[in-house]
């Protein structure tokens, strides 16, 4: 399965809507889409996982790289709308401790 990446800018925030699978095959495409945004100063990047069906360790690594880039540029990364199965992977790896994960936009 492929990965669909749709990006939109709403005011000062980027919203990235992902659909499909994030794995060794699709991770480079995702990295190429996200890193340029993360490397800009003072950005808000919201990544919507509503339609993500699968993610592997390569995909998790992409988000670690994006997090490092946002930390270096005073930007903020938020992951939204994960299924419980995918959220569990972030929890098992401890990434939920360093990446902001919310059920939906606007949730505290």
C-alpha atoms as a PDB file:
ATOM      1  CA  UNK A   1       0.000   0.000   0.000  1.00  0.00           C
ATOM      2  CA  UNK A   2       1.101   3.553  -0.641  1.00  0.00           C
ATOM      3  CA  UNK A   3       1.127   6.627   1.529  1.00  0.00           C
ATOM      4  CA  UNK A   4      -0.875   9.709   0.625  1.00  0.00           C
ATOM      5  CA  UNK A   5       0.373  13.022   2.009  1.00  0.00           C
ATOM      6  CA  UNK A   6      -1.832  16.099   1.772  1.00  0.00           C
ATOM      7  CA  UNK A   7      -0.553  19.389   3.105  1.00  0.00           C
ATOM      8  CA  UNK A   8      -2.395  22.617   3.795  1.00  0.00           C
ATOM      9  CA  UNK A   9      -1.453  25.805   5.573  1.00  0.00           C
ATOM     10  CA  UNK A  10      -4.069  27.376   7.821  1.00  0.00           C
ATOM     11  CA  UNK A  11      -2.904  30.692   9.218  1.00  0.00           C
ATOM     12  CA  UNK A  12       0.452  29.991  10.889  1.00  0.00           C
ATOM     13  CA  UNK A  13       0.037  26.208  11.095  1.00  0.00           C
ATOM     14  CA  UNK A  14       0.743  23.430   8.632  1.00  0.00           C
ATOM     15  CA  UNK A  15      -1.692  20.525   8.595  1.00  0.00           C
ATOM     16  CA  UNK A  16      -0.378  17.308   7.089  1.00  0.00           C
ATOM     17  CA  UNK A  17      -3.001  14.620   6.475  1.00  0.00           C
ATOM     18  CA  UNK A  18      -1.578  11.120   6.095  1.00  0.00           C
ATOM     19  CA  UNK A  19      -3.390   8.135   4.629  1.00  0.00           C
ATOM     20  CA  UNK A  20      -2.071   4.610   4.149  1.00  0.00           C
ATOM     21  CA  UNK A  21       1.014   2.904   5.535  1.00  0.00           C
ATOM     22  CA  UNK A  22       4.264   4.350   6.860  1.00  0.00           C
ATOM     23  CA  UNK A  23       7.024   1.791   6.378  1.00  0.00           C
ATOM     24  CA  UNK A  24      10.502   1.390   4.887  1.00  0.00           C
ATOM     25  CA  UNK A  25       9.037   1.869   1.417  1.00  0.00           C
ATOM     26  CA  UNK A  26       7.074   5.079   2.113  1.00  0.00           C
ATOM     27  CA  UNK A  27       9.234   6.647   4.861  1.00  0.00           C
ATOM     28  CA  UNK A  28      11.590   8.483   2.450  1.00  0.00           C
ATOM     29  CA  UNK A  29       8.593  10.174   0.797  1.00  0.00           C
ATOM     30  CA  UNK A  30       7.275  11.224   4.208  1.00  0.00           C
ATOM     31  CA  UNK A  31      10.699  12.500   5.324  1.00  0.00           C
ATOM     32  CA  UNK A  32      11.025  14.592   2.130  1.00  0.00           C
ATOM     33  CA  UNK A  33       7.617  16.159   2.798  1.00  0.00           C
ATOM     34  CA  UNK A  34       8.071  16.903   6.505  1.00  0.00           C
ATOM     35  CA  UNK A  35      11.710  17.926   6.981  1.00  0.00           C
ATOM     36  CA  UNK A  36      11.558  21.138   4.894  1.00  0.00           C
ATOM     37  CA  UNK A  37       8.639  22.330   7.044  1.00  0.00           C
ATOM     38  CA  UNK A  38      10.367  21.328  10.279  1.00  0.00           C
ATOM     39  CA  UNK A  39      13.534  23.165   9.278  1.00  0.00           C
ATOM     40  CA  UNK A  40      11.707  26.525   9.051  1.00  0.00           C
ATOM     41  CA  UNK A  41      11.753  28.736  12.135  1.00  0.00           C
ATOM     42  CA  UNK A  42       8.740  29.016  14.459  1.00  0.00           C
ATOM     43  CA  UNK A  43       6.342  26.657  12.682  1.00  0.00           C
ATOM     44  CA  UNK A  44       3.379  24.731  14.039  1.00  0.00           C
ATOM     45  CA  UNK A  45       3.198  21.337  12.307  1.00  0.00           C
ATOM     46  CA  UNK A  46       0.100  19.219  12.906  1.00  0.00           C
ATOM     47  CA  UNK A  47       0.234  15.719  11.478  1.00  0.00           C
ATOM     48  CA  UNK A  48      -3.136  13.995  11.200  1.00  0.00           C
ATOM     49  CA  UNK A  49      -3.036  10.194  11.493  1.00  0.00           C
ATOM     50  CA  UNK A  50      -6.783   9.561  11.048  1.00  0.00           C
ATOM     51  CA  UNK A  51      -6.263   7.354   7.995  1.00  0.00           C
ATOM     52  CA  UNK A  52      -2.892   5.774   8.821  1.00  0.00           C
ATOM     53  CA  UNK A  53      -3.296   2.013   8.942  1.00  0.00           C
ATOM     54  CA  UNK A  54       0.263   0.919   9.758  1.00  0.00           C
ATOM     55  CA  UNK A  55       3.613   2.296  10.883  1.00  0.00           C
ATOM     56  CA  UNK A  56       6.906   0.456  11.388  1.00  0.00           C
ATOM     57  CA  UNK A  57      10.195   1.401  13.047  1.00  0.00           C
ATOM     58  CA  UNK A  58      11.401   3.211   9.923  1.00  0.00           C
ATOM     59  CA  UNK A  59       8.316   5.395  10.088  1.00  0.00           C
ATOM     60  CA  UNK A  60       8.854   6.067  13.781  1.00  0.00           C
ATOM     61  CA  UNK A  61      12.395   7.151  12.910  1.00  0.00           C
ATOM     62  CA  UNK A  62      11.042   9.769  10.512  1.00  0.00           C
ATOM     63  CA  UNK A  63       9.122  11.386  13.369  1.00  0.00           C
ATOM     64  CA  UNK A  64      12.213  11.350  15.595  1.00  0.00           C
ATOM     65  CA  UNK A  65      14.103  13.200  12.850  1.00  0.00           C
ATOM     66  CA  UNK A  66      11.285  15.710  12.395  1.00  0.00           C
ATOM     67  CA  UNK A  67      11.137  16.260  16.164  1.00  0.00           C
ATOM     68  CA  UNK A  68      14.880  16.996  16.267  1.00  0.00           C
ATOM     69  CA  UNK A  69      14.472  19.481  13.411  1.00  0.00           C
ATOM     70  CA  UNK A  70      11.542  21.249  15.090  1.00  0.00           C
ATOM     71  CA  UNK A  71      13.465  21.455  18.366  1.00  0.00           C
ATOM     72  CA  UNK A  72      16.355  23.123  16.543  1.00  0.00           C
ATOM     73  CA  UNK A  73      14.100  25.690  14.839  1.00  0.00           C
ATOM     74  CA  UNK A  74      11.821  26.575  17.762  1.00  0.00           C
ATOM     75  CA  UNK A  75       8.918  24.908  15.977  1.00  0.00           C
ATOM     76  CA  UNK A  76       6.221  22.665  17.394  1.00  0.00           C
ATOM     77  CA  UNK A  77       5.211  19.178  16.268  1.00  0.00           C
ATOM     78  CA  UNK A  78       1.834  17.676  17.168  1.00  0.00           C
ATOM     79  CA  UNK A  79       0.481  14.282  16.100  1.00  0.00           C
ATOM     80  CA  UNK A  80      -3.298  13.997  15.957  1.00  0.00           C
ATOM     81  CA  UNK A  81      -5.986  11.362  15.562  1.00  0.00           C
ATOM     82  CA  UNK A  82      -4.000   8.150  15.971  1.00  0.00           C
ATOM     83  CA  UNK A  83      -5.708   4.802  16.257  1.00  0.00           C
ATOM     84  CA  UNK A  84      -5.159   3.090  19.605  1.00  0.00           C
ATOM     85  CA  UNK A  85      -2.916   0.518  17.903  1.00  0.00           C
ATOM     86  CA  UNK A  86      -0.594   3.136  16.415  1.00  0.00           C
ATOM     87  CA  UNK A  87      -0.632   5.236  19.581  1.00  0.00           C
ATOM     88  CA  UNK A  88       0.459   2.118  21.474  1.00  0.00           C
ATOM     89  CA  UNK A  89       3.614   1.888  19.316  1.00  0.00           C
ATOM     90  CA  UNK A  90       4.533   5.453  20.242  1.00  0.00           C
ATOM     91  CA  UNK A  91       3.882   4.580  23.889  1.00  0.00           C
ATOM     92  CA  UNK A  92       5.930   1.350  23.846  1.00  0.00           C
ATOM     93  CA  UNK A  93       8.899   3.171  22.330  1.00  0.00           C
ATOM     94  CA  UNK A  94       8.589   6.108  24.733  1.00  0.00           C
ATOM     95  CA  UNK A  95       8.047   8.568  21.890  1.00  0.00           C
ATOM     96  CA  UNK A  96       4.774   9.688  23.473  1.00  0.00           C
ATOM     97  CA  UNK A  97       6.937  11.215  26.219  1.00  0.00           C
ATOM     98  CA  UNK A  98       8.780  13.529  23.803  1.00  0.00           C
ATOM     99  CA  UNK A  99       6.265  14.130  20.992  1.00  0.00           C
ATOM    100  CA  UNK A 100       2.945  15.865  21.601  1.00  0.00           C
ATOM    101  CA  UNK A 101       0.163  13.397  20.747  1.00  0.00           C
ATOM    102  CA  UNK A 102      -3.472  14.477  20.926  1.00  0.00           C
ATOM    103  CA  UNK A 103      -6.762  12.792  20.106  1.00  0.00           C
ATOM    104  CA  UNK A 104      -7.950  15.739  18.036  1.00  0.00           C
ATOM    105  CA  UNK A 105      -7.083  19.320  17.288  1.00  0.00           C
ATOM    106  CA  UNK A 106      -7.540  21.785  20.114  1.00  0.00           C
ATOM    107  CA  UNK A 107      -7.340  19.107  22.813  1.00  0.00           C
ATOM    108  CA  UNK A 108      -5.200  20.075  25.800  1.00  0.00           C
END
